[in-house]
């Protein structure tokens, strides 16, 4: 079952709250994200959730995830071209994402990427990282706290 809500879209980020009249909005499936699932059950607080959503937004804006469809933009007519021409928004999002992951650190960024960006459930992330069962929730909480500190969320 899908749980769809309208969210504001401003400054290249999806923001909490309803759509604004005359502004841009997107429809978000709340049951799609493991982070939302954890938030709904009280395992992640509002500060941690906001930090995770910012990271996921930068990950998506930077187009760092796998492509699931064909690229329909025109091929260059002459020469080999120099590949993709990323937009300034993509480049800025990639820089923000890299800075956030560096601030979190190598020991915590693995679980953060798996759950927030790759949408793996905690059990799958724990298994993939070779951790014991139920260790992921604690480590993810620490990673989200460090991420929230990086973003300056109070």
N, C-alpha and C. Protein backbone atom coordinates (compact mmCIF):
# COMPACT_ATOMS: atom_id res chain seq x y z
N UNK A 1 0.84 -1.18 0.00
CA UNK A 1 0.00 0.00 0.00
C UNK A 1 0.89 1.24 0.00
N UNK A 2 0.52 2.22 -0.79
CA UNK A 2 1.30 3.44 -0.88
C UNK A 2 0.68 4.53 -0.02
N UNK A 3 1.55 5.32 0.59
CA UNK A 3 1.12 6.46 1.39
C UNK A 3 1.75 7.69 0.76
N UNK A 4 0.97 8.38 -0.07
CA UNK A 4 1.49 9.51 -0.84
C UNK A 4 1.14 10.83 -0.18
N UNK A 5 2.10 11.74 -0.12
CA UNK A 5 1.88 13.09 0.41
C UNK A 5 2.54 14.09 -0.53
N UNK A 6 2.03 15.31 -0.51
CA UNK A 6 2.63 16.40 -1.28
C UNK A 6 3.66 17.10 -0.41
N UNK A 7 4.83 17.37 -0.97
CA UNK A 7 5.89 18.09 -0.26
C UNK A 7 6.34 19.27 -1.12
N UNK A 8 6.74 20.34 -0.45
CA UNK A 8 7.27 21.50 -1.16
C UNK A 8 8.62 21.16 -1.77
N UNK A 9 8.91 21.76 -2.91
CA UNK A 9 10.20 21.60 -3.57
C UNK A 9 10.75 23.00 -3.81
N UNK A 10 11.77 23.37 -3.05
CA UNK A 10 12.36 24.70 -3.19
C UNK A 10 13.87 24.59 -3.02
N UNK A 11 14.59 25.41 -3.72
CA UNK A 11 16.06 25.43 -3.64
C UNK A 11 16.67 24.07 -3.92
N UNK A 12 16.04 23.29 -4.79
CA UNK A 12 16.57 21.99 -5.17
C UNK A 12 16.39 20.91 -4.12
N UNK A 13 15.55 21.16 -3.11
CA UNK A 13 15.36 20.18 -2.03
C UNK A 13 13.88 19.97 -1.76
N UNK A 14 13.55 18.75 -1.43
CA UNK A 14 12.21 18.42 -0.98
C UNK A 14 12.13 18.80 0.48
N UNK A 15 11.09 19.58 0.85
CA UNK A 15 10.97 20.07 2.22
C UNK A 15 9.72 19.52 2.86
N UNK A 16 9.76 19.39 4.17
CA UNK A 16 8.60 18.90 4.92
C UNK A 16 7.46 19.91 4.82
N UNK A 17 6.26 19.45 5.01
CA UNK A 17 5.10 20.32 4.93
C UNK A 17 4.37 20.11 3.62
N UNK A 18 3.22 20.69 3.53
CA UNK A 18 2.39 20.52 2.34
C UNK A 18 2.84 21.41 1.20
N UNK A 19 2.18 21.26 0.08
CA UNK A 19 2.49 22.05 -1.10
C UNK A 19 2.07 23.50 -0.88
N UNK A 20 2.78 24.42 -1.49
CA UNK A 20 2.48 25.83 -1.38
C UNK A 20 1.77 26.26 -2.66
N UNK A 21 0.71 27.05 -2.52
CA UNK A 21 -0.02 27.55 -3.68
C UNK A 21 0.93 28.36 -4.55
N UNK A 22 1.00 28.02 -5.82
CA UNK A 22 1.86 28.73 -6.74
C UNK A 22 3.31 28.26 -6.73
N UNK A 23 3.68 27.44 -5.77
CA UNK A 23 5.04 26.92 -5.69
C UNK A 23 5.13 25.53 -6.28
N UNK A 24 6.34 25.04 -6.40
CA UNK A 24 6.55 23.69 -6.92
C UNK A 24 6.37 22.68 -5.80
N UNK A 25 5.87 21.51 -6.17
CA UNK A 25 5.73 20.44 -5.18
C UNK A 25 5.98 19.10 -5.87
N UNK A 26 6.25 18.09 -5.05
CA UNK A 26 6.44 16.74 -5.54
C UNK A 26 5.61 15.80 -4.68
N UNK A 27 5.25 14.68 -5.25
CA UNK A 27 4.54 13.65 -4.51
C UNK A 27 5.56 12.65 -3.99
N UNK A 28 5.50 12.36 -2.69
CA UNK A 28 6.47 11.47 -2.05
C UNK A 28 5.73 10.26 -1.49
N UNK A 29 6.26 9.07 -1.74
CA UNK A 29 5.72 7.84 -1.17
C UNK A 29 6.42 7.60 0.16
N UNK A 30 5.70 7.78 1.26
CA UNK A 30 6.30 7.67 2.59
C UNK A 30 6.72 6.25 2.93
N UNK A 31 6.16 5.26 2.28
CA UNK A 31 6.51 3.88 2.60
C UNK A 31 7.71 3.38 1.79
N UNK A 32 8.27 4.23 0.97
CA UNK A 32 9.37 3.83 0.11
C UNK A 32 10.71 3.80 0.84
N UNK A 33 10.89 4.65 1.81
CA UNK A 33 12.19 4.85 2.44
C UNK A 33 12.31 4.12 3.78
N UNK A 34 13.41 3.38 3.98
CA UNK A 34 13.64 2.78 5.30
C UNK A 34 13.77 3.84 6.40
N UNK A 35 14.29 5.02 6.05
CA UNK A 35 14.42 6.09 7.03
C UNK A 35 13.04 6.56 7.49
N UNK A 36 12.09 6.66 6.58
CA UNK A 36 10.72 7.04 6.95
C UNK A 36 10.09 5.96 7.81
N UNK A 37 10.35 4.72 7.50
CA UNK A 37 9.84 3.60 8.29
C UNK A 37 10.37 3.70 9.72
N UNK A 38 11.66 3.98 9.87
CA UNK A 38 12.26 4.13 11.19
C UNK A 38 11.70 5.34 11.93
N UNK A 39 11.46 6.42 11.21
CA UNK A 39 10.88 7.64 11.82
C UNK A 39 9.47 7.38 12.31
N UNK A 40 8.68 6.67 11.54
CA UNK A 40 7.29 6.39 11.92
C UNK A 40 7.21 5.54 13.18
N UNK A 41 8.23 4.76 13.45
CA UNK A 41 8.23 3.88 14.62
C UNK A 41 9.02 4.45 15.79
N UNK A 42 9.46 5.69 15.67
CA UNK A 42 10.15 6.36 16.76
C UNK A 42 11.60 5.98 16.96
N UNK A 43 12.20 5.30 15.99
CA UNK A 43 13.60 4.90 16.10
C UNK A 43 14.56 6.01 15.64
N UNK A 44 14.02 7.00 14.94
CA UNK A 44 14.81 8.13 14.44
C UNK A 44 14.04 9.39 14.82
N UNK A 45 14.73 10.38 15.40
CA UNK A 45 14.03 11.61 15.77
C UNK A 45 13.97 12.58 14.59
N UNK A 46 13.29 13.71 14.79
CA UNK A 46 13.07 14.67 13.70
C UNK A 46 14.39 15.23 13.17
N UNK A 47 15.33 15.51 14.05
CA UNK A 47 16.63 16.06 13.64
C UNK A 47 17.39 15.06 12.77
N UNK A 48 17.42 13.81 13.19
CA UNK A 48 18.10 12.76 12.43
C UNK A 48 17.41 12.55 11.08
N UNK A 49 16.08 12.57 11.08
CA UNK A 49 15.32 12.37 9.85
C UNK A 49 15.61 13.48 8.85
N UNK A 50 15.61 14.73 9.33
CA UNK A 50 15.89 15.87 8.44
C UNK A 50 17.29 15.76 7.85
N UNK A 51 18.25 15.37 8.66
CA UNK A 51 19.63 15.21 8.16
C UNK A 51 19.68 14.12 7.09
N UNK A 52 19.02 13.00 7.34
CA UNK A 52 19.00 11.92 6.36
C UNK A 52 18.32 12.32 5.06
N UNK A 53 17.23 13.08 5.17
CA UNK A 53 16.53 13.53 3.97
C UNK A 53 17.37 14.51 3.17
N UNK A 54 18.12 15.36 3.84
CA UNK A 54 19.02 16.28 3.12
C UNK A 54 20.08 15.50 2.36
N UNK A 55 20.65 14.51 3.02
CA UNK A 55 21.68 13.69 2.36
C UNK A 55 21.09 12.97 1.16
N UNK A 56 19.91 12.37 1.32
CA UNK A 56 19.27 11.66 0.23
C UNK A 56 18.94 12.61 -0.92
N UNK A 57 18.49 13.82 -0.58
CA UNK A 57 18.20 14.81 -1.62
C UNK A 57 19.43 15.18 -2.43
N UNK A 58 20.55 15.36 -1.75
CA UNK A 58 21.80 15.66 -2.47
C UNK A 58 22.25 14.47 -3.31
N UNK A 59 22.08 13.27 -2.79
CA UNK A 59 22.43 12.05 -3.52
C UNK A 59 21.61 11.96 -4.81
N UNK A 60 20.31 12.22 -4.71
CA UNK A 60 19.43 12.16 -5.88
C UNK A 60 19.72 13.29 -6.86
N UNK A 61 19.90 14.51 -6.35
CA UNK A 61 20.16 15.66 -7.22
C UNK A 61 21.48 15.49 -7.97
N UNK A 62 22.46 14.90 -7.31
CA UNK A 62 23.76 14.69 -7.95
C UNK A 62 23.74 13.53 -8.94
N UNK A 63 22.61 12.83 -9.03
CA UNK A 63 22.45 11.68 -9.93
C UNK A 63 23.51 10.62 -9.66
N UNK A 64 23.73 10.30 -8.39
CA UNK A 64 24.73 9.31 -8.02
C UNK A 64 24.18 7.89 -8.02
N UNK A 65 22.87 7.75 -8.05
CA UNK A 65 22.27 6.42 -8.06
C UNK A 65 22.30 5.80 -9.45
N UNK A 66 22.00 4.52 -9.52
CA UNK A 66 22.00 3.86 -10.83
C UNK A 66 20.84 4.36 -11.70
N UNK A 67 21.08 4.41 -12.98
CA UNK A 67 20.02 4.80 -13.92
C UNK A 67 19.20 3.56 -14.26
N UNK A 68 17.90 3.73 -14.30
CA UNK A 68 17.03 2.60 -14.61
C UNK A 68 16.32 2.76 -15.94
N UNK A 69 16.57 3.87 -16.62
CA UNK A 69 15.97 4.08 -17.93
C UNK A 69 17.04 4.51 -18.91
N UNK A 70 16.68 4.49 -20.16
CA UNK A 70 17.59 4.91 -21.22
C UNK A 70 17.72 6.43 -21.23
N UNK A 71 18.88 6.92 -21.60
CA UNK A 71 19.06 8.36 -21.77
C UNK A 71 18.51 8.74 -23.13
N UNK A 72 17.61 9.73 -23.16
CA UNK A 72 16.95 10.12 -24.39
C UNK A 72 17.51 11.41 -24.98
N UNK A 73 18.55 11.98 -24.38
CA UNK A 73 19.10 13.19 -24.95
C UNK A 73 19.85 12.85 -26.23
N UNK A 74 19.95 13.83 -27.10
CA UNK A 74 20.53 13.62 -28.43
C UNK A 74 22.03 13.34 -28.34
N UNK A 75 22.49 12.48 -29.23
CA UNK A 75 23.92 12.19 -29.33
C UNK A 75 24.59 13.35 -30.06
N UNK A 76 25.86 13.63 -29.77
CA UNK A 76 26.57 14.69 -30.50
C UNK A 76 26.67 14.35 -31.98
N UNK A 77 26.52 15.35 -32.83
CA UNK A 77 26.55 15.11 -34.28
C UNK A 77 27.97 14.90 -34.79
N UNK A 78 28.93 15.58 -34.22
CA UNK A 78 30.30 15.40 -34.69
C UNK A 78 31.23 15.29 -33.49
N UNK A 79 32.33 14.63 -33.70
CA UNK A 79 33.28 14.45 -32.61
C UNK A 79 32.74 13.47 -31.59
N UNK A 80 33.56 13.08 -30.69
CA UNK A 80 33.16 12.13 -29.67
C UNK A 80 32.41 12.78 -28.53
N UNK A 81 32.50 14.10 -28.45
CA UNK A 81 31.90 14.76 -27.30
C UNK A 81 32.71 14.45 -26.06
N UNK A 82 32.45 15.15 -25.01
CA UNK A 82 33.18 14.87 -23.78
C UNK A 82 32.26 14.29 -22.72
N UNK A 83 31.28 13.50 -23.14
CA UNK A 83 30.43 12.81 -22.20
C UNK A 83 29.35 13.70 -21.62
N UNK A 84 28.97 13.38 -20.41
CA UNK A 84 27.92 14.12 -19.75
C UNK A 84 28.36 15.53 -19.40
N UNK A 85 27.44 16.44 -19.45
CA UNK A 85 27.69 17.81 -19.03
C UNK A 85 26.83 18.05 -17.79
N UNK A 86 27.38 17.81 -16.61
CA UNK A 86 26.56 17.95 -15.41
C UNK A 86 26.14 19.40 -15.18
N UNK A 87 24.97 19.56 -14.64
CA UNK A 87 24.49 20.89 -14.33
C UNK A 87 25.19 21.41 -13.09
N UNK A 88 25.10 22.69 -12.88
CA UNK A 88 25.69 23.28 -11.68
C UNK A 88 25.03 22.72 -10.42
N UNK A 89 23.74 22.45 -10.50
CA UNK A 89 23.03 21.88 -9.34
C UNK A 89 23.58 20.49 -9.01
N UNK A 90 23.87 19.70 -10.05
CA UNK A 90 24.42 18.37 -9.82
C UNK A 90 25.81 18.45 -9.19
N UNK A 91 26.62 19.35 -9.69
CA UNK A 91 27.98 19.50 -9.17
C UNK A 91 27.94 19.97 -7.71
N UNK A 92 27.08 20.95 -7.43
CA UNK A 92 26.97 21.45 -6.05
C UNK A 92 26.45 20.36 -5.12
N UNK A 93 25.47 19.59 -5.58
CA UNK A 93 24.92 18.50 -4.76
C UNK A 93 25.98 17.43 -4.50
N UNK A 94 26.79 17.13 -5.50
CA UNK A 94 27.87 16.14 -5.32
C UNK A 94 28.88 16.62 -4.29
N UNK A 95 29.20 17.90 -4.34
CA UNK A 95 30.14 18.46 -3.35
C UNK A 95 29.55 18.40 -1.94
N UNK A 96 28.26 18.76 -1.81
CA UNK A 96 27.61 18.69 -0.49
C UNK A 96 27.56 17.26 0.01
N UNK A 97 27.24 16.32 -0.88
CA UNK A 97 27.17 14.91 -0.50
C UNK A 97 28.54 14.41 -0.04
N UNK A 98 29.57 14.70 -0.81
CA UNK A 98 30.92 14.26 -0.45
C UNK A 98 31.37 14.86 0.88
N UNK A 99 31.07 16.14 1.10
CA UNK A 99 31.45 16.80 2.35
C UNK A 99 30.71 16.18 3.54
N UNK A 100 29.44 15.87 3.35
CA UNK A 100 28.64 15.26 4.42
C UNK A 100 29.16 13.87 4.76
N UNK A 101 29.46 13.08 3.74
CA UNK A 101 29.96 11.72 3.99
C UNK A 101 31.34 11.77 4.65
N UNK A 102 32.17 12.74 4.27
CA UNK A 102 33.48 12.88 4.91
C UNK A 102 33.33 13.30 6.37
N UNK A 103 32.36 14.17 6.66
CA UNK A 103 32.13 14.61 8.03
C UNK A 103 31.64 13.48 8.91
N UNK A 104 30.85 12.59 8.35
CA UNK A 104 30.34 11.44 9.11
C UNK A 104 31.47 10.47 9.41
N UNK A 105 32.36 10.27 8.46
CA UNK A 105 33.51 9.39 8.68
C UNK A 105 33.32 8.03 8.05
N UNK A 106 34.43 7.34 7.78
CA UNK A 106 34.38 6.06 7.07
C UNK A 106 33.69 4.94 7.83
N UNK A 107 33.74 4.94 9.14
CA UNK A 107 33.10 3.86 9.89
C UNK A 107 31.59 3.96 9.92
N UNK A 108 31.06 5.17 9.79
CA UNK A 108 29.62 5.38 9.88
C UNK A 108 28.96 5.64 8.53
N UNK A 109 29.75 6.09 7.57
CA UNK A 109 29.16 6.45 6.27
C UNK A 109 28.65 5.24 5.50
N UNK A 110 29.20 4.06 5.77
CA UNK A 110 28.76 2.86 5.05
C UNK A 110 27.29 2.55 5.32
N UNK A 111 26.90 2.50 6.58
CA UNK A 111 25.51 2.19 6.91
C UNK A 111 24.60 3.35 6.50
N UNK A 112 25.10 4.57 6.60
CA UNK A 112 24.32 5.74 6.20
C UNK A 112 23.99 5.67 4.71
N UNK A 113 24.99 5.36 3.90
CA UNK A 113 24.76 5.26 2.45
C UNK A 113 23.78 4.13 2.14
N UNK A 114 23.97 2.98 2.76
CA UNK A 114 23.12 1.82 2.46
C UNK A 114 21.66 2.08 2.80
N UNK A 115 21.38 2.67 3.96
CA UNK A 115 20.00 2.85 4.40
C UNK A 115 19.36 4.09 3.78
N UNK A 116 20.06 5.22 3.81
CA UNK A 116 19.48 6.48 3.35
C UNK A 116 19.51 6.62 1.83
N UNK A 117 20.62 6.29 1.20
CA UNK A 117 20.76 6.51 -0.24
C UNK A 117 20.34 5.30 -1.07
N UNK A 118 20.77 4.10 -0.67
CA UNK A 118 20.46 2.89 -1.44
C UNK A 118 19.14 2.26 -1.02
N UNK A 119 18.49 2.79 0.00
CA UNK A 119 17.18 2.30 0.49
C UNK A 119 17.21 0.84 0.92
N UNK A 120 18.33 0.40 1.48
CA UNK A 120 18.39 -0.95 2.05
C UNK A 120 17.75 -0.92 3.43
N UNK A 121 17.07 -1.97 3.78
CA UNK A 121 16.56 -2.09 5.14
C UNK A 121 17.71 -2.33 6.10
N UNK A 122 17.46 -2.12 7.38
CA UNK A 122 18.52 -2.30 8.38
C UNK A 122 19.06 -3.72 8.40
N UNK A 123 18.18 -4.70 8.29
CA UNK A 123 18.64 -6.10 8.32
C UNK A 123 19.57 -6.40 7.15
N UNK A 124 19.22 -5.91 5.96
CA UNK A 124 20.07 -6.13 4.78
C UNK A 124 21.40 -5.39 4.92
N UNK A 125 21.36 -4.18 5.47
CA UNK A 125 22.59 -3.41 5.67
C UNK A 125 23.51 -4.11 6.68
N UNK A 126 22.92 -4.60 7.76
CA UNK A 126 23.71 -5.33 8.76
C UNK A 126 24.37 -6.56 8.15
N UNK A 127 23.60 -7.29 7.38
CA UNK A 127 24.13 -8.50 6.74
C UNK A 127 25.24 -8.15 5.75
N UNK A 128 25.00 -7.11 4.94
CA UNK A 128 25.99 -6.70 3.95
C UNK A 128 27.29 -6.21 4.56
N UNK A 129 27.20 -5.62 5.75
CA UNK A 129 28.38 -5.11 6.43
C UNK A 129 29.00 -6.13 7.38
N UNK A 130 28.35 -7.30 7.50
CA UNK A 130 28.87 -8.34 8.37
C UNK A 130 28.70 -8.04 9.85
N UNK A 131 27.67 -7.28 10.19
CA UNK A 131 27.42 -6.90 11.57
C UNK A 131 26.44 -7.86 12.22
N UNK A 132 26.44 -7.94 13.55
CA UNK A 132 25.42 -8.76 14.23
C UNK A 132 24.04 -8.11 14.10
N UNK A 133 23.01 -8.92 14.26
CA UNK A 133 21.64 -8.42 14.16
C UNK A 133 21.41 -7.32 15.19
N UNK A 134 20.65 -6.33 14.79
CA UNK A 134 20.24 -5.20 15.61
C UNK A 134 21.36 -4.23 15.98
N UNK A 135 22.52 -4.37 15.37
CA UNK A 135 23.60 -3.40 15.61
C UNK A 135 23.42 -2.17 14.72
N UNK A 136 22.74 -2.34 13.59
CA UNK A 136 22.60 -1.27 12.62
C UNK A 136 21.84 -0.07 13.12
N UNK A 137 20.82 -0.30 13.94
CA UNK A 137 20.00 0.81 14.43
C UNK A 137 20.83 1.78 15.27
N UNK A 138 21.67 1.24 16.13
CA UNK A 138 22.53 2.07 16.97
C UNK A 138 23.55 2.83 16.13
N UNK A 139 24.21 2.13 15.23
CA UNK A 139 25.24 2.77 14.40
C UNK A 139 24.62 3.79 13.46
N UNK A 140 23.45 3.49 12.90
CA UNK A 140 22.77 4.45 12.04
C UNK A 140 22.40 5.70 12.83
N UNK A 141 21.94 5.53 14.05
CA UNK A 141 21.62 6.68 14.90
C UNK A 141 22.83 7.57 15.14
N UNK A 142 23.97 6.96 15.40
CA UNK A 142 25.21 7.72 15.58
C UNK A 142 25.59 8.46 14.29
N UNK A 143 25.45 7.77 13.16
CA UNK A 143 25.78 8.39 11.87
C UNK A 143 24.86 9.57 11.57
N UNK A 144 23.57 9.40 11.85
CA UNK A 144 22.61 10.48 11.61
C UNK A 144 22.85 11.66 12.55
N UNK A 145 23.25 11.39 13.79
CA UNK A 145 23.59 12.47 14.72
C UNK A 145 24.79 13.26 14.22
N UNK A 146 25.80 12.56 13.76
CA UNK A 146 26.99 13.24 13.23
C UNK A 146 26.64 14.03 11.97
N UNK A 147 25.77 13.48 11.14
CA UNK A 147 25.32 14.18 9.93
C UNK A 147 24.53 15.43 10.29
N UNK A 148 23.65 15.34 11.27
CA UNK A 148 22.87 16.50 11.71
C UNK A 148 23.79 17.58 12.27
N UNK A 149 24.83 17.19 12.99
CA UNK A 149 25.82 18.16 13.48
C UNK A 149 26.51 18.85 12.31
N UNK A 150 26.85 18.08 11.28
CA UNK A 150 27.49 18.65 10.09
C UNK A 150 26.58 19.69 9.42
N UNK A 151 25.29 19.39 9.34
CA UNK A 151 24.33 20.32 8.72
C UNK A 151 23.95 21.46 9.65
N UNK A 152 24.34 21.39 10.91
CA UNK A 152 24.00 22.45 11.85
C UNK A 152 22.55 22.43 12.29
N UNK A 153 21.96 21.25 12.29
CA UNK A 153 20.56 21.12 12.71
C UNK A 153 20.51 21.07 14.23
N UNK A 154 19.63 21.86 14.82
CA UNK A 154 19.58 21.93 16.28
C UNK A 154 18.48 21.15 16.81
